[in-house]
Amino acid sequence: MAEEEIKKVEATAEEVTSEAVAKKTKGKKAKRVVTSGQVHIQATFNNTIISISDKQGQVIAASSAGANGFRGSKKGTAYAAQIAAEKAGNIAKKDFGLNSVDVYVKGIGLGRDSAIRAISSLGIKIDSISDVTPIAHGGVRPKGERKP
């Protein structure tokens, strides 16, 4: 009985190795070329986040002040936003061939202008700049009776 179990284990081991040999390995995926895209800059008082995407919105490069080693109150500075924009822009330009962008800025932080200037200084042409900061309008009427 023990011999039968050993034979079964050996048979399953052979099946596993034969399956591993039968699987094909996939080749490396070719990099896409994205000549024009969008830059989304979210500038808050505490951090600045830069996302670079193609026209369909698929992100190709992203960076933030915190990801570049800035900590605490230094993350909200204009210099930190500049470094983050340069890093994301270099990745997009070198790896994907990005050369023109539409910029969408959200928020009221210190890094708004410096991030746009950093992208421009990399040789990436800026086609348009849009401010998409949400504006509060008082909201909807709260639930319940009106108070006198």
C-alpha atoms as a PDB file:
ATOM      1  CA  MET A   1       0.000   0.000   0.000  1.00  0.00           C
ATOM      2  CA  ALA A   2       2.839   2.372   0.834  1.00  0.00           C
ATOM      3  CA  GLU A   3       4.453   1.528  -2.511  1.00  0.00           C
ATOM      4  CA  GLU A   4       1.256   2.500  -4.366  1.00  0.00           C
ATOM      5  CA  GLU A   5       1.203   5.904  -2.613  1.00  0.00           C
ATOM      6  CA  ILE A   6       4.843   6.505  -3.538  1.00  0.00           C
ATOM      7  CA  LYS A   7       4.084   5.675  -7.182  1.00  0.00           C
ATOM      8  CA  LYS A   8       1.113   8.119  -7.119  1.00  0.00           C
ATOM      9  CA  VAL A   9       3.299  10.906  -5.686  1.00  0.00           C
ATOM     10  CA  GLU A  10       5.956  10.270  -8.346  1.00  0.00           C
ATOM     11  CA  ALA A  11       3.309  10.320 -11.085  1.00  0.00           C
ATOM     12  CA  THR A  12       1.870  13.667  -9.895  1.00  0.00           C
ATOM     13  CA  ALA A  13       5.390  15.140  -9.657  1.00  0.00           C
ATOM     14  CA  GLU A  14       6.015  14.169 -13.285  1.00  0.00           C
ATOM     15  CA  GLU A  15       2.714  15.789 -14.342  1.00  0.00           C
ATOM     16  CA  VAL A  16       3.598  19.031 -12.580  1.00  0.00           C
ATOM     17  CA  THR A  17       7.016  19.238 -14.249  1.00  0.00           C
ATOM     18  CA  SER A  18       5.553  18.452 -17.661  1.00  0.00           C
ATOM     19  CA  GLU A  19       2.954  21.211 -17.197  1.00  0.00           C
ATOM     20  CA  ALA A  20       5.664  23.690 -16.229  1.00  0.00           C
ATOM     21  CA  VAL A  21       7.616  22.850 -19.383  1.00  0.00           C
ATOM     22  CA  ALA A  22       4.488  23.164 -21.545  1.00  0.00           C
ATOM     23  CA  LYS A  23       3.733  26.753 -20.415  1.00  0.00           C
ATOM     24  CA  LYS A  24       5.012  29.412 -22.774  1.00  0.00           C
ATOM     25  CA  THR A  25       6.779  32.457 -21.463  1.00  0.00           C
ATOM     26  CA  LYS A  26       5.531  35.802 -22.690  1.00  0.00           C
ATOM     27  CA  GLY A  27       7.924  38.193 -24.347  1.00  0.00           C
ATOM     28  CA  LYS A  28       8.424  41.761 -23.215  1.00  0.00           C
ATOM     29  CA  LYS A  29       5.619  44.143 -24.070  1.00  0.00           C
ATOM     30  CA  ALA A  30       6.600  46.914 -26.481  1.00  0.00           C
ATOM     31  CA  LYS A  31       6.460  50.444 -25.064  1.00  0.00           C
ATOM     32  CA  ARG A  32       3.742  52.677 -26.439  1.00  0.00           C
ATOM     33  CA  VAL A  33       4.589  55.988 -28.028  1.00  0.00           C
ATOM     34  CA  VAL A  34       2.469  58.797 -26.627  1.00  0.00           C
ATOM     35  CA  THR A  35       3.202  62.104 -28.356  1.00  0.00           C
ATOM     36  CA  SER A  36       0.459  64.163 -26.705  1.00  0.00           C
ATOM     37  CA  GLY A  37      -1.152  63.751 -23.326  1.00  0.00           C
ATOM     38  CA  GLN A  38      -2.499  65.369 -20.188  1.00  0.00           C
ATOM     39  CA  VAL A  39      -0.810  66.540 -17.004  1.00  0.00           C
ATOM     40  CA  HIS A  40      -2.931  66.573 -13.865  1.00  0.00           C
ATOM     41  CA  ILE A  41      -1.503  68.639 -11.006  1.00  0.00           C
ATOM     42  CA  GLN A  42      -3.170  68.360  -7.609  1.00  0.00           C
ATOM     43  CA  ALA A  43      -1.701  71.072  -5.413  1.00  0.00           C
ATOM     44  CA  THR A  44      -2.770  71.039  -1.781  1.00  0.00           C
ATOM     45  CA  PHE A  45      -1.205  72.844   1.152  1.00  0.00           C
ATOM     46  CA  ASN A  46       0.393  69.594   2.318  1.00  0.00           C
ATOM     47  CA  ASN A  47       1.549  67.905  -0.910  1.00  0.00           C
ATOM     48  CA  THR A  48       1.634  68.176  -4.701  1.00  0.00           C
ATOM     49  CA  ILE A  49       0.766  65.174  -6.881  1.00  0.00           C
ATOM     50  CA  ILE A  50       1.625  65.092 -10.603  1.00  0.00           C
ATOM     51  CA  SER A  51       0.029  62.519 -12.932  1.00  0.00           C
ATOM     52  CA  ILE A  52       0.840  62.379 -16.647  1.00  0.00           C
ATOM     53  CA  SER A  53      -1.570  60.421 -18.840  1.00  0.00           C
ATOM     54  CA  ASP A  54      -2.390  59.883 -22.480  1.00  0.00           C
ATOM     55  CA  LYS A  55      -5.477  61.469 -24.075  1.00  0.00           C
ATOM     56  CA  GLN A  56      -7.675  58.554 -22.905  1.00  0.00           C
ATOM     57  CA  GLY A  57      -6.655  59.099 -19.273  1.00  0.00           C
ATOM     58  CA  GLN A  58      -4.357  56.089 -18.799  1.00  0.00           C
ATOM     59  CA  VAL A  59      -1.549  57.188 -16.489  1.00  0.00           C
ATOM     60  CA  ILE A  60       1.949  56.756 -17.919  1.00  0.00           C
ATOM     61  CA  ALA A  61       3.949  58.547 -15.200  1.00  0.00           C
ATOM     62  CA  ALA A  62       3.225  59.883 -11.733  1.00  0.00           C
ATOM     63  CA  SER A  63       5.176  61.500  -8.943  1.00  0.00           C
ATOM     64  CA  SER A  64       4.605  63.491  -5.788  1.00  0.00           C
ATOM     65  CA  ALA A  65       6.600  65.619  -3.401  1.00  0.00           C
ATOM     66  CA  GLY A  66       6.400  62.899  -0.764  1.00  0.00           C
ATOM     67  CA  ALA A  67       7.654  60.242  -3.184  1.00  0.00           C
ATOM     68  CA  ASN A  68      10.759  62.352  -3.849  1.00  0.00           C
ATOM     69  CA  GLY A  69      11.938  62.339  -0.251  1.00  0.00           C
ATOM     70  CA  PHE A  70      10.302  65.493   1.073  1.00  0.00           C
ATOM     71  CA  ARG A  71       8.750  65.074   4.513  1.00  0.00           C
ATOM     72  CA  GLY A  72       6.439  67.121   6.686  1.00  0.00           C
ATOM     73  CA  SER A  73       5.886  70.756   5.859  1.00  0.00           C
ATOM     74  CA  LYS A  74       8.508  70.676   3.069  1.00  0.00           C
ATOM     75  CA  LYS A  75       6.128  68.593   0.892  1.00  0.00           C
ATOM     76  CA  GLY A  76       3.876  71.612   0.369  1.00  0.00           C
ATOM     77  CA  THR A  77       6.607  73.888  -0.994  1.00  0.00           C
ATOM     78  CA  ALA A  78       6.989  75.108  -4.555  1.00  0.00           C
ATOM     79  CA  TYR A  79      10.454  73.535  -4.815  1.00  0.00           C
ATOM     80  CA  ALA A  80       9.097  70.099  -3.919  1.00  0.00           C
ATOM     81  CA  ALA A  81       6.404  70.465  -6.604  1.00  0.00           C
ATOM     82  CA  GLN A  82       9.075  71.429  -9.140  1.00  0.00           C
ATOM     83  CA  ILE A  83      11.156  68.341  -8.371  1.00  0.00           C
ATOM     84  CA  ALA A  84       8.074  66.073  -8.573  1.00  0.00           C
ATOM     85  CA  ALA A  85       7.044  67.560 -11.935  1.00  0.00           C
ATOM     86  CA  GLU A  86      10.561  67.173 -13.338  1.00  0.00           C
ATOM     87  CA  LYS A  87      10.720  63.520 -12.300  1.00  0.00           C
ATOM     88  CA  ALA A  88       7.324  62.633 -13.809  1.00  0.00           C
ATOM     89  CA  GLY A  89       8.063  64.658 -16.944  1.00  0.00           C
ATOM     90  CA  ASN A  90      11.432  63.000 -17.494  1.00  0.00           C
ATOM     91  CA  ILE A  91       9.868  59.531 -17.247  1.00  0.00           C
ATOM     92  CA  ALA A  92       7.093  60.447 -19.700  1.00  0.00           C
ATOM     93  CA  LYS A  93       9.437  62.107 -22.178  1.00  0.00           C
ATOM     94  CA  LYS A  94      12.201  59.478 -22.075  1.00  0.00           C
ATOM     95  CA  ASP A  95      10.085  56.323 -21.967  1.00  0.00           C
ATOM     96  CA  PHE A  96       7.021  57.355 -23.995  1.00  0.00           C
ATOM     97  CA  GLY A  97       8.190  60.224 -26.233  1.00  0.00           C
ATOM     98  CA  LEU A  98       5.752  62.790 -24.833  1.00  0.00           C
ATOM     99  CA  ASN A  99       6.167  66.237 -26.402  1.00  0.00           C
ATOM    100  CA  SER A 100       2.892  68.171 -25.953  1.00  0.00           C
ATOM    101  CA  VAL A 101       0.402  68.268 -23.092  1.00  0.00           C
ATOM    102  CA  ASP A 102      -2.778  69.859 -21.794  1.00  0.00           C
ATOM    103  CA  VAL A 103      -2.383  70.857 -18.140  1.00  0.00           C
ATOM    104  CA  TYR A 104      -5.204  70.500 -15.609  1.00  0.00           C
ATOM    105  CA  VAL A 105      -4.554  72.134 -12.232  1.00  0.00           C
ATOM    106  CA  LYS A 106      -6.619  71.330  -9.137  1.00  0.00           C
ATOM    107  CA  GLY A 107      -6.155  72.902  -5.730  1.00  0.00           C
ATOM    108  CA  ILE A 108      -4.746  76.037  -4.164  1.00  0.00           C
ATOM    109  CA  GLY A 109      -1.314  74.925  -3.005  1.00  0.00           C
ATOM    110  CA  LEU A 110       2.038  76.602  -3.520  1.00  0.00           C
ATOM    111  CA  GLY A 111       3.143  74.116  -6.179  1.00  0.00           C
ATOM    112  CA  ARG A 112       0.707  75.112  -8.941  1.00  0.00           C
ATOM    113  CA  ASP A 113       2.881  77.512 -10.918  1.00  0.00           C
ATOM    114  CA  SER A 114       6.247  75.894 -10.252  1.00  0.00           C
ATOM    115  CA  ALA A 115       5.015  72.493 -11.470  1.00  0.00           C
ATOM    116  CA  ILE A 116       3.804  74.028 -14.753  1.00  0.00           C
ATOM    117  CA  ARG A 117       7.114  75.871 -15.196  1.00  0.00           C
ATOM    118  CA  ALA A 118       9.063  72.672 -14.526  1.00  0.00           C
ATOM    119  CA  ILE A 119       7.103  70.766 -17.187  1.00  0.00           C
ATOM    120  CA  SER A 120       7.697  73.598 -19.663  1.00  0.00           C
ATOM    121  CA  SER A 121      11.433  73.694 -18.914  1.00  0.00           C
ATOM    122  CA  LEU A 122      11.762  70.012 -19.917  1.00  0.00           C
ATOM    123  CA  GLY A 123      10.934  70.917 -23.519  1.00  0.00           C
ATOM    124  CA  ILE A 124       7.361  69.623 -23.361  1.00  0.00           C
ATOM    125  CA  LYS A 125       5.012  71.968 -25.218  1.00  0.00           C
ATOM    126  CA  ILE A 126       2.012  73.128 -23.159  1.00  0.00           C
ATOM    127  CA  ASP A 127      -1.085  73.465 -25.351  1.00  0.00           C
ATOM    128  CA  SER A 128      -3.553  74.634 -22.702  1.00  0.00           C
ATOM    129  CA  ILE A 129      -3.840  75.215 -18.964  1.00  0.00           C
ATOM    130  CA  SER A 130      -7.188  74.587 -17.245  1.00  0.00           C
ATOM    131  CA  ASP A 131      -8.112  75.183 -13.628  1.00  0.00           C
ATOM    132  CA  VAL A 132     -10.406  72.381 -12.460  1.00  0.00           C
ATOM    133  CA  THR A 133     -10.497  73.316  -8.776  1.00  0.00           C
ATOM    134  CA  PRO A 134     -13.912  72.388  -7.341  1.00  0.00           C
ATOM    135  CA  ILE A 135     -15.902  75.389  -6.131  1.00  0.00           C
ATOM    136  CA  ALA A 136     -18.253  74.981  -3.173  1.00  0.00           C
ATOM    137  CA  HIS A 137     -21.773  76.316  -3.706  1.00  0.00           C
ATOM    138  CA  GLY A 138     -23.410  75.672  -0.325  1.00  0.00           C
ATOM    139  CA  GLY A 139     -24.480  72.146  -1.180  1.00  0.00           C
ATOM    140  CA  VAL A 140     -27.991  70.728  -1.226  1.00  0.00           C
ATOM    141  CA  ARG A 141     -30.679  71.480   1.353  1.00  0.00           C
ATOM    142  CA  PRO A 142     -30.118  69.414   4.491  1.00  0.00           C
ATOM    143  CA  LYS A 143     -32.627  66.756   5.484  1.00  0.00           C
ATOM    144  CA  GLY A 144     -35.271  67.584   8.093  1.00  0.00           C
ATOM    145  CA  GLU A 145     -37.558  70.476   8.917  1.00  0.00           C
ATOM    146  CA  ARG A 146     -36.532  74.035   8.445  1.00  0.00           C
ATOM    147  CA  LYS A 147     -35.496  75.729  11.670  1.00  0.00           C
ATOM    148  CA  PRO A 148     -37.146  79.066  12.567  1.00  0.00           C
END
